[in-house]
Each structure stands twice: as C-alpha cells, then as structure tokens.
Amino acid sequence: MHRLLTLFAIVSLFLLTACLPESSTIDAPRVDGFSDPDDLRFNDEEFATLSAQLNIPREIPQPITRLPQHIGNSTGMSELLTSSSDARKALLGRVLFYDKQLSATGETSCATCHLQEKAFSDDKAFSDGINGAVTKRNSIALGSVPTFAPAVSGYGSSDDGENRAVEGRVKFFWDERAATIKEQSIATIQDPIEMGKDLHQLSSELRNQEIYRILSVKAFGTADLTPDRITLALEKFTASIMSMNSRFDELVDAEQRGQQLNGRFTDSELAGRRLFLVNCASCHSPSLTEPLVPVANNGLEVTYADQGVGGRTGSPFDNGVFKVPFLRNVALTGPYMHDGRFATLREVIDHYSDGIQDHRNLHPLLRDANNRPRKMRFSEAEKQALLDFLAMTTDESVLRDPALADPFR
C-alpha cells in the first residue's frame, strides 16, 4: 500500500505542477516591447539584453523526463513532458537561484549552499551566510529525489498569479518547520543569517531590471515580478532537479525484467543492496523515493544540543527528532546529519553498525527485541558493500545538466 502511495506522490510531482491553475501565459496579452509570452524563443532585442549577463539559449528548452521502468511501469507512464509554461518559469527560477541579489549583502545566493556538482548540497557542515555568519544546520540536498519537489507538498496559484498553499505529506527543513516550498523559500531568503533579504524589497529591486522584466514577461505574461511569482519560479526550478537516472535504477529495472545481474553489477554492489533492504529500507524506502519514516531520532546522542523538531513543537517526545533525508546522490552530499558531524559515508555506516545511542526518543526500528539500541555489527566487507551500493544512487546527469547550471557570465 505504501509503495502505491509513494508512486502516486512521484506522479503527483509532475501532474500537480503542470496541471494546477496558475498564472499561466496562455492567452496572456502581448506586452509592448516584448515577445509573445507563449513563444519559447526570445526576440533579437531580448536575447541581446539577456546575453550580456546570462549564458542561456535563445529558445527555452522543454525537457522530457524519462522515468525508470520500475517507476514508469507502476505509474503507467514512461516519460513526462514539462509544460512550456513550467519551462519558462523554471528558467526565471534558475536565474533567481544563482543570483546573489537575493541576499541583503550580495554575498550569497541559493546556490551558495546548494552546489550542482554536489547534487545541490553543500560540502560544509554549516553553510556560509551573510556578514561572516554560518547556518545553524547542514544544508539538505535538493538533487536527491523527485519527490523533494513541491508537488506532494507545495502550492498552486490562482489566475491572478497569487500562490495558494497546498500542504502535503512532505515537509521541509530538518525540523519540518515549512509545510510548503513557498514557506521554505520565504524563510530562507528572509533568514537574517542565510540571506537577510525582505521579499518585497527584492521584488521592488528586480522588477526594475531589464533581464528580470524580460524573464518575468516570458514566465508570467507581465513584468510585475511579485514576491509570489519569485517563489513560484524558484519552485518550478527546484522541481526540475530530478535524479531518475542512476545505476540503482538500472539495477531495479534489470531485476524487474528478470535479466542477469552478474557482470553488470559487482558482487559487492549486489550484497550492499541486500544489506540495505534488510537494515535501511524500512526508513529510507526500497525505491529510494520518499522515506517511509519522515522524521526520526537515530541515536546520535543521549543528550542533544539541537532538539530538532522538539525545538519547534516544544514537546519532549520530539526532542532529537529530525527529518529523514532522501538518499539519492548520497555519496556526493557529505558531510552528513543535521550538524554535518560525519564527514564520510563510512562514518555514517559505522554509526549504525555500532554507535547508536540510547536516546529516550530513539525510533523503534533502531531498537532490538530487548528494547536496546540495535547493533548491526557490519563486517568490513559489509561496510564496503553498503558504500558500493550507495554509490550507485548517483545520477551523473544532474551534475552536468546545463539547464541546471549557473547561467551568469
């Protein structure tokens, strides 16, 4: 049953972002001096203006996402086409994502803490903020899984372009304090440590800049780049960061086809998959999509300095409880845990093998039959097998996709 819900969530990612009524440019009136919003090409004048600052194609690509067979067959869909409206908004969102004007001091952008080469994670325990400050927690990877995007937990928009929250099962941040992508974007941009920028001030500044006037008209049919349109464009860009093309998906597809696995996958990789299914999949899910356990205490400490969800709710039963992260691209997204305490995946595996602490809120799946913290006691060969398997979750295409890269010259 849960597998069906997970597959439904994946399909919802594409269908909800494509089909909900939003500030569409369909039948939008022409704006004097700008090309037709419905046209995926910029005119000569627009493209010359954009090219002075941005390295983007003249024609906005409309991507096709091909689903792995083990997902596509279950959903009855083999590929999904991003709507032209979404593609135009995602391009605007991509420029916003990399623009340091989104911070009060011009020091940071969204990409400062979410590096493409790291599957849109950071390589630091705590990320750089403004004025020499650092974030309180490790940055969560954005390129881990399709369901990270806001179809399951996001928002649509009305015909006037104003966003309407649609709260779903997936929450955001380590303490799940944001119910939607809109809330997450507002909190990040306006956070005094991370970016410190008032969204209304940002909107006022950007709507007077010619590149944003051009991109806004193309995305929304109007040059009025409101705070809601800024966050919607960022949503569409983050929704385009998908990791659906990994050796893990190859393996599961081959299994479902009944194909010979030996020769295509090493003994260690296959052993790691078996270990993962027995020891890890009950929380993180066998398909590496939406975690089956959304939040948990995983026994990092007996006493936590950062109480996680408990710090938000005030409930002692939530102390030391944090979001269970997605694992696609996990070999690239270190350091690990909410505080970046583990520099390597090997250290993470060592923790689950022998280091789980007896916190009062330790998740039941991490306790043995005697209610003590589990000792998985992996051998050296098993630890290496798990490392080899987790490396298979990397989607190399995400790391080099030009449509996700920094567009600024």
Protein backbone atom coordinates (compact mmCIF):
# COMPACT_ATOMS: atom_id res chain seq x y z
CA MET A 1 0.00 0.00 0.00
CA HIS A 2 2.74 2.46 0.92
CA ARG A 3 4.55 1.68 -2.33
CA LEU A 4 1.42 2.76 -4.22
CA LEU A 5 1.27 5.97 -2.19
CA THR A 6 4.92 6.67 -2.93
CA LEU A 7 4.41 6.10 -6.66
CA PHE A 8 1.36 8.33 -6.54
CA ALA A 9 3.49 11.02 -4.90
CA ILE A 10 6.05 10.81 -7.70
CA VAL A 11 3.45 11.17 -10.42
CA SER A 12 1.84 14.00 -8.46
CA LEU A 13 5.11 15.91 -8.72
CA PHE A 14 4.68 16.25 -12.45
CA LEU A 15 0.92 16.36 -12.74
CA LEU A 16 0.28 18.88 -9.98
CA THR A 17 2.93 21.34 -11.10
CA ALA A 18 1.77 21.03 -14.69
CA CYS A 19 -1.99 20.95 -14.25
CA LEU A 20 -2.98 23.15 -11.34
CA PRO A 21 -4.36 26.53 -12.43
CA GLU A 22 -1.61 29.10 -12.13
CA SER A 23 -0.53 32.43 -13.51
CA SER A 24 -0.27 30.95 -16.98
CA THR A 25 0.83 32.89 -20.01
CA ILE A 26 -1.76 31.08 -22.13
CA ASP A 27 -3.85 33.74 -23.90
CA ALA A 28 -1.90 36.39 -21.99
CA PRO A 29 -1.97 39.79 -23.70
CA ARG A 30 1.13 40.91 -25.54
CA VAL A 31 3.26 43.31 -23.51
CA ASP A 32 4.57 46.15 -25.64
CA GLY A 33 8.25 45.78 -26.46
CA PHE A 34 8.36 42.10 -25.51
CA SER A 35 7.96 38.91 -27.49
CA ASP A 36 4.81 36.82 -27.25
CA PRO A 37 4.89 35.14 -23.79
CA ASP A 38 3.70 31.87 -25.37
CA ASP A 39 6.67 31.83 -27.73
CA LEU A 40 9.56 29.78 -26.32
CA ARG A 41 12.03 31.99 -28.22
CA PHE A 42 13.32 35.40 -27.22
CA ASN A 43 13.32 38.07 -29.91
CA ASP A 44 16.58 39.66 -31.10
CA GLU A 45 16.47 42.59 -28.69
CA GLU A 46 15.56 40.45 -25.68
CA PHE A 47 18.22 37.88 -26.41
CA ALA A 48 20.92 40.55 -26.84
CA THR A 49 19.95 42.08 -23.48
CA LEU A 50 19.92 38.73 -21.70
CA SER A 51 23.16 37.55 -23.32
CA ALA A 52 25.07 40.49 -21.88
CA GLN A 53 24.69 38.89 -18.44
CA LEU A 54 23.44 35.37 -18.97
CA ASN A 55 24.60 32.29 -20.84
CA ILE A 56 21.22 30.85 -21.81
CA PRO A 57 19.83 29.51 -25.09
CA ARG A 58 17.67 31.68 -27.30
CA GLU A 59 14.99 29.01 -27.30
CA ILE A 60 13.83 27.81 -23.88
CA PRO A 61 14.10 24.00 -23.79
CA GLN A 62 11.03 21.96 -22.89
CA PRO A 63 12.52 18.90 -21.14
CA ILE A 64 11.23 15.36 -21.30
CA THR A 65 11.85 13.29 -18.17
CA ARG A 66 12.13 9.57 -18.86
CA LEU A 67 11.15 7.54 -15.85
CA PRO A 68 12.98 4.36 -14.87
CA GLN A 69 10.97 1.29 -15.81
CA HIS A 70 10.37 0.32 -12.17
CA ILE A 71 8.62 3.66 -11.66
CA GLY A 72 7.19 4.20 -15.13
CA ASN A 73 5.55 0.78 -15.38
CA SER A 74 3.95 1.12 -11.97
CA THR A 75 2.51 4.52 -12.81
CA GLY A 76 1.52 3.70 -16.39
CA MET A 77 3.81 6.45 -17.67
CA SER A 78 7.22 6.10 -19.32
CA GLU A 79 8.03 9.76 -19.79
CA LEU A 80 6.68 13.09 -18.67
CA LEU A 81 6.82 16.32 -20.61
CA THR A 82 7.35 19.56 -18.74
CA SER A 83 4.77 22.11 -19.88
CA SER A 84 6.03 25.13 -21.80
CA SER A 85 4.66 27.33 -19.02
CA ASP A 86 6.68 25.42 -16.40
CA ALA A 87 9.80 25.60 -18.59
CA ARG A 88 9.56 29.39 -18.81
CA LYS A 89 9.04 29.74 -15.08
CA ALA A 90 11.90 27.33 -14.35
CA LEU A 91 14.27 29.45 -16.43
CA LEU A 92 13.37 32.51 -14.38
CA GLY A 93 13.75 30.41 -11.22
CA ARG A 94 17.18 29.23 -12.36
CA VAL A 95 18.41 32.81 -12.74
CA LEU A 96 16.97 33.73 -9.34
CA PHE A 97 18.53 30.63 -7.76
CA TYR A 98 22.04 31.74 -8.76
CA ASP A 99 21.60 35.49 -8.22
CA LYS A 100 23.36 36.94 -5.17
CA GLN A 101 20.97 39.88 -5.26
CA LEU A 102 18.67 37.60 -3.28
CA SER A 103 20.84 38.30 -0.22
CA ALA A 104 20.93 41.61 1.62
CA THR A 105 24.71 41.95 1.27
CA GLY A 106 25.15 40.42 -2.19
CA GLU A 107 27.25 37.63 -0.67
CA THR A 108 25.05 34.57 -1.05
CA SER A 109 22.59 33.01 -3.45
CA CYS A 110 20.55 29.82 -3.15
CA ALA A 111 23.40 28.13 -5.00
CA THR A 112 25.89 29.13 -2.29
CA CYS A 113 24.52 26.34 -0.10
CA HIS A 114 23.31 24.07 -2.94
CA LEU A 115 26.11 23.23 -5.37
CA GLN A 116 25.26 21.47 -8.61
CA GLU A 117 28.41 19.34 -8.52
CA LYS A 118 27.32 18.13 -5.06
CA ALA A 119 23.79 17.24 -6.19
CA PHE A 120 22.70 20.64 -4.89
CA SER A 121 24.03 20.08 -1.38
CA ASP A 122 26.92 21.81 0.39
CA ASP A 123 30.33 20.36 1.21
CA LYS A 124 30.48 22.10 4.58
CA ALA A 125 28.96 21.09 7.90
CA PHE A 126 27.44 24.56 8.21
CA SER A 127 26.98 26.77 5.18
CA ASP A 128 28.18 30.32 4.66
CA GLY A 129 25.64 33.02 5.40
CA ILE A 130 25.94 36.79 5.22
CA ASN A 131 28.21 39.05 7.28
CA GLY A 132 30.53 36.16 8.14
CA ALA A 133 27.82 34.09 9.82
CA VAL A 134 27.23 30.38 9.25
CA THR A 135 23.99 28.44 9.22
CA LYS A 136 22.77 26.53 12.26
CA ARG A 137 22.36 23.22 10.38
CA ASN A 138 23.76 21.34 7.44
CA SER A 139 22.16 22.16 4.08
CA ILE A 140 19.82 19.45 2.78
CA ALA A 141 20.47 18.33 -0.80
CA LEU A 142 17.95 19.47 -3.41
CA GLY A 143 19.03 16.98 -6.07
CA SER A 144 18.25 13.85 -4.13
CA VAL A 145 14.87 12.69 -5.33
CA PRO A 146 11.96 13.82 -7.48
CA THR A 147 9.50 13.92 -4.59
CA PHE A 148 11.61 16.60 -2.90
CA ALA A 149 9.96 18.98 -5.34
CA PRO A 150 6.72 20.65 -4.36
CA ALA A 151 4.04 18.52 -5.99
CA VAL A 152 3.49 16.50 -2.84
CA SER A 153 3.90 19.47 -0.56
CA GLY A 154 3.72 22.70 -2.46
CA TYR A 155 1.32 25.24 -3.76
CA GLY A 156 -0.57 26.10 -6.86
CA SER A 157 -1.64 29.55 -7.84
CA SER A 158 -4.79 31.30 -8.87
CA ASP A 159 -5.45 33.01 -12.17
CA ASP A 160 -4.04 36.26 -10.79
CA GLY A 161 -0.71 34.60 -10.07
CA GLU A 162 -1.04 34.56 -6.30
CA ASN A 163 0.17 31.36 -4.68
CA ARG A 164 -2.21 29.17 -2.72
CA ALA A 165 -0.63 26.84 -0.19
CA VAL A 166 -1.29 23.14 -0.71
CA GLU A 167 0.06 21.33 2.32
CA GLY A 168 1.11 17.75 1.73
CA ARG A 169 2.92 14.90 3.46
CA VAL A 170 6.45 16.06 2.63
CA LYS A 171 7.74 18.86 4.87
CA PHE A 172 10.90 20.94 4.58
CA PHE A 173 13.97 21.76 6.69
CA TRP A 174 15.49 19.39 9.26
CA ASP A 175 12.77 20.28 11.78
CA GLU A 176 10.00 20.30 9.13
CA ARG A 177 9.02 23.83 10.06
CA ALA A 178 7.99 24.64 6.47
CA ALA A 179 4.90 22.92 5.12
CA THR A 180 5.36 24.18 1.56
CA ILE A 181 8.09 25.25 -0.85
CA LYS A 182 6.73 28.78 -0.61
CA GLU A 183 7.28 28.81 3.16
CA GLN A 184 10.74 27.33 2.71
CA SER A 185 11.74 29.95 0.14
CA ILE A 186 10.45 32.85 2.20
CA ALA A 187 12.16 31.58 5.35
CA THR A 188 15.49 31.08 3.58
CA ILE A 189 15.56 34.40 1.73
CA GLN A 190 14.48 36.41 4.77
CA ASP A 191 16.56 34.49 7.34
CA PRO A 192 18.97 37.00 8.95
CA ILE A 193 21.86 34.52 8.81
CA GLU A 194 21.33 32.97 5.38
CA MET A 195 20.25 35.81 3.06
CA GLY A 196 18.55 38.51 5.14
CA LYS A 197 16.52 39.97 2.26
CA ASP A 198 12.96 41.22 2.52
CA LEU A 199 10.96 39.68 -0.33
CA HIS A 200 9.01 42.84 -1.05
CA GLN A 201 12.23 44.85 -1.27
CA LEU A 202 13.70 42.17 -3.52
CA SER A 203 10.63 42.30 -5.75
CA SER A 204 10.87 46.08 -5.99
CA GLU A 205 14.54 45.91 -6.98
CA LEU A 206 14.27 43.10 -9.53
CA ARG A 207 11.20 44.35 -11.38
CA ASN A 208 13.20 47.43 -12.46
CA GLN A 209 16.00 45.35 -14.01
CA GLU A 210 15.64 44.63 -17.71
CA ILE A 211 16.70 40.98 -17.60
CA TYR A 212 14.07 40.25 -14.97
CA ARG A 213 11.42 42.23 -16.87
CA ILE A 214 12.11 40.08 -19.93
CA LEU A 215 12.15 36.79 -17.99
CA SER A 216 9.05 37.73 -15.97
CA VAL A 217 7.04 38.58 -19.08
CA LYS A 218 8.10 35.29 -20.65
CA ALA A 219 7.19 33.34 -17.48
CA PHE A 220 4.03 35.15 -16.35
CA GLY A 221 2.92 37.47 -19.14
CA THR A 222 3.68 40.52 -17.01
CA ALA A 223 6.79 42.43 -15.94
CA ASP A 224 5.37 42.71 -12.41
CA LEU A 225 7.67 40.24 -10.60
CA THR A 226 5.82 39.97 -7.29
CA PRO A 227 7.10 38.07 -4.23
CA ASP A 228 4.66 35.26 -5.04
CA ARG A 229 5.96 34.99 -8.58
CA ILE A 230 9.54 34.91 -7.31
CA THR A 231 8.78 31.95 -5.03
CA LEU A 232 6.74 30.18 -7.73
CA ALA A 233 9.62 30.49 -10.21
CA LEU A 234 12.01 29.09 -7.61
CA GLU A 235 9.58 26.20 -7.07
CA LYS A 236 9.50 25.39 -10.77
CA PHE A 237 13.30 25.37 -10.93
CA THR A 238 13.72 23.12 -7.91
CA ALA A 239 11.04 20.84 -9.35
CA SER A 240 13.24 20.43 -12.42
CA ILE A 241 16.12 18.99 -10.34
CA MET A 242 15.36 15.29 -10.68
CA SER A 243 17.54 12.24 -10.08
CA MET A 244 15.93 9.46 -12.07
CA ASN A 245 18.91 8.09 -13.99
CA SER A 246 21.21 6.19 -11.65
CA ARG A 247 22.83 2.76 -11.66
CA PHE A 248 20.46 1.93 -8.81
CA ASP A 249 17.53 2.46 -11.20
CA GLU A 250 19.35 0.32 -13.77
CA LEU A 251 19.65 -2.45 -11.19
CA VAL A 252 15.98 -2.39 -10.17
CA ASP A 253 14.88 -2.27 -13.81
CA ALA A 254 17.10 -5.26 -14.61
CA GLU A 255 15.65 -7.18 -11.65
CA GLN A 256 12.11 -6.50 -12.82
CA ARG A 257 12.96 -7.67 -16.33
CA GLY A 258 14.48 -10.86 -14.94
CA GLN A 259 17.83 -10.04 -16.51
CA GLN A 260 21.20 -11.43 -15.47
CA LEU A 261 22.74 -9.10 -12.89
CA ASN A 262 26.23 -10.60 -12.60
CA GLY A 263 28.60 -8.89 -14.98
CA ARG A 264 26.59 -5.69 -14.97
CA PHE A 265 26.85 -5.16 -11.22
CA THR A 266 29.59 -6.25 -8.86
CA ASP A 267 29.10 -8.81 -6.13
CA SER A 268 29.77 -6.08 -3.60
CA GLU A 269 27.10 -3.79 -5.06
CA LEU A 270 24.53 -6.59 -5.01
CA ALA A 271 25.48 -7.55 -1.45
CA GLY A 272 25.12 -3.91 -0.44
CA ARG A 273 21.64 -3.82 -1.94
CA ARG A 274 20.62 -6.84 0.14
CA LEU A 275 22.05 -5.28 3.30
CA PHE A 276 20.25 -2.03 2.57
CA LEU A 277 16.90 -3.76 2.10
CA VAL A 278 17.26 -5.62 5.41
CA ASN A 279 18.67 -2.81 7.54
CA CYS A 280 17.85 0.57 6.00
CA ALA A 281 14.91 0.38 3.60
CA SER A 282 12.25 0.33 6.33
CA CYS A 283 13.03 4.01 6.93
CA HIS A 284 14.51 5.20 3.65
CA SER A 285 12.29 3.09 1.29
CA PRO A 286 13.40 0.32 -1.08
CA SER A 287 12.88 2.56 -4.14
CA LEU A 288 14.83 5.49 -2.65
CA THR A 289 11.97 7.86 -3.23
CA GLU A 290 10.01 9.33 -0.34
CA PRO A 291 11.29 7.98 3.01
CA LEU A 292 8.83 5.66 4.71
CA VAL A 293 9.64 7.32 8.05
CA PRO A 294 9.51 11.11 7.59
CA VAL A 295 11.21 12.08 10.89
CA ALA A 296 13.13 10.10 13.48
CA ASN A 297 15.67 10.13 16.27
CA ASN A 298 18.58 7.98 15.08
CA GLY A 299 20.58 7.87 18.28
CA LEU A 300 23.34 10.36 17.56
CA GLU A 301 23.45 11.43 21.20
CA VAL A 302 21.85 10.73 24.56
CA THR A 303 21.52 14.49 25.07
CA TYR A 304 21.13 16.82 22.09
CA ALA A 305 22.16 20.46 21.97
CA ASP A 306 19.87 20.93 18.95
CA GLN A 307 16.47 19.42 19.72
CA GLY A 308 15.30 19.38 16.09
CA VAL A 309 11.52 19.00 15.77
CA GLY A 310 11.28 19.28 19.56
CA GLY A 311 12.76 22.76 19.43
CA ARG A 312 9.88 23.76 17.17
CA THR A 313 7.00 21.94 18.86
CA GLY A 314 8.14 22.16 22.48
CA SER A 315 7.18 18.51 23.01
CA PRO A 316 9.75 16.35 24.84
CA PHE A 317 8.67 13.45 22.61
CA ASP A 318 10.05 15.36 19.60
CA ASN A 319 13.43 16.14 21.13
CA GLY A 320 16.32 14.96 19.00
CA VAL A 321 13.97 14.12 16.13
CA PHE A 322 14.97 15.26 12.63
CA LYS A 323 13.87 14.84 9.05
CA VAL A 324 14.91 11.54 7.45
CA PRO A 325 16.81 12.62 4.33
CA PHE A 326 16.47 11.30 0.80
CA LEU A 327 19.37 9.08 -0.24
CA ARG A 328 19.71 9.54 -3.98
CA ASN A 329 23.14 11.04 -4.77
CA VAL A 330 24.05 10.41 -1.13
CA ALA A 331 27.69 9.61 -1.97
CA LEU A 332 28.07 13.27 -3.04
CA THR A 333 26.20 15.06 -0.29
CA GLY A 334 28.53 14.84 2.71
CA PRO A 335 29.06 15.88 5.39
CA TYR A 336 26.09 14.08 6.90
CA MET A 337 23.42 14.52 9.59
CA HIS A 338 21.77 17.78 10.65
CA ASP A 339 25.04 19.07 12.10
CA GLY A 340 27.40 17.64 9.49
CA ARG A 341 29.17 15.60 12.17
CA PHE A 342 30.09 12.75 9.81
CA ALA A 343 32.49 13.73 7.06
CA THR A 344 32.11 10.47 5.16
CA LEU A 345 29.53 7.80 4.42
CA ARG A 346 31.84 5.29 6.11
CA GLU A 347 31.38 7.20 9.38
CA VAL A 348 27.60 7.08 8.89
CA ILE A 349 27.72 3.32 8.39
CA ASP A 350 29.97 2.96 11.45
CA HIS A 351 27.36 4.82 13.49
CA TYR A 352 24.56 2.45 12.50
CA SER A 353 26.83 -0.54 12.91
CA ASP A 354 27.94 0.08 16.48
CA GLY A 355 27.28 3.66 17.58
CA ILE A 356 23.53 4.13 18.07
CA GLN A 357 22.91 5.83 21.42
CA ASP A 358 20.04 5.07 23.81
CA HIS A 359 18.04 8.28 23.50
CA ARG A 360 14.57 8.16 25.00
CA ASN A 361 13.07 9.04 21.59
CA LEU A 362 15.15 6.59 19.57
CA HIS A 363 12.99 5.30 16.74
CA PRO A 364 11.57 1.79 17.45
CA LEU A 365 13.10 0.42 14.23
CA LEU A 366 16.52 1.16 15.73
CA ARG A 367 15.81 -0.90 18.86
CA ASP A 368 16.27 -4.65 19.20
CA ALA A 369 13.87 -7.19 20.68
CA ASN A 370 15.09 -6.26 24.17
CA ASN A 371 14.39 -2.54 23.55
CA ARG A 372 18.10 -1.76 23.43
CA PRO A 373 19.76 0.21 20.60
CA ARG A 374 20.41 -2.11 17.67
CA LYS A 375 23.93 -3.27 17.00
CA MET A 376 24.06 -4.09 13.31
CA ARG A 377 27.71 -5.09 13.61
CA PHE A 378 28.60 -4.88 9.94
CA SER A 379 31.82 -6.57 8.92
CA GLU A 380 34.43 -4.67 6.92
CA ALA A 381 33.24 -6.39 3.76
CA GLU A 382 29.63 -5.47 4.52
CA LYS A 383 30.55 -1.85 5.16
CA GLN A 384 32.31 -1.70 1.81
CA ALA A 385 29.32 -3.36 0.15
CA LEU A 386 26.99 -0.71 1.55
CA LEU A 387 29.34 2.02 0.30
CA ASP A 388 29.42 0.44 -3.15
CA PHE A 389 25.64 0.19 -3.24
CA LEU A 390 25.07 3.77 -2.06
CA ALA A 391 27.45 5.00 -4.77
CA MET A 392 25.00 3.51 -7.28
CA THR A 393 22.41 6.12 -6.30
CA THR A 394 24.37 8.90 -8.02
CA ASP A 395 22.69 10.45 -11.05
CA GLU A 396 25.58 11.87 -13.04
CA SER A 397 23.26 13.77 -15.39
CA VAL A 398 22.14 16.10 -12.60
CA LEU A 399 25.74 17.15 -12.03
CA ARG A 400 26.32 18.29 -15.60
CA ASP A 401 22.89 19.29 -16.90
CA PRO A 402 23.37 22.76 -18.46
CA ALA A 403 19.71 23.60 -17.75
CA LEU A 404 20.56 23.45 -14.03
CA ALA A 405 23.90 25.27 -14.18
CA ASP A 406 24.83 28.79 -13.16
CA PRO A 407 23.54 30.99 -16.01
CA PHE A 408 25.56 34.11 -15.13
CA ARG A 409 28.58 35.03 -17.21
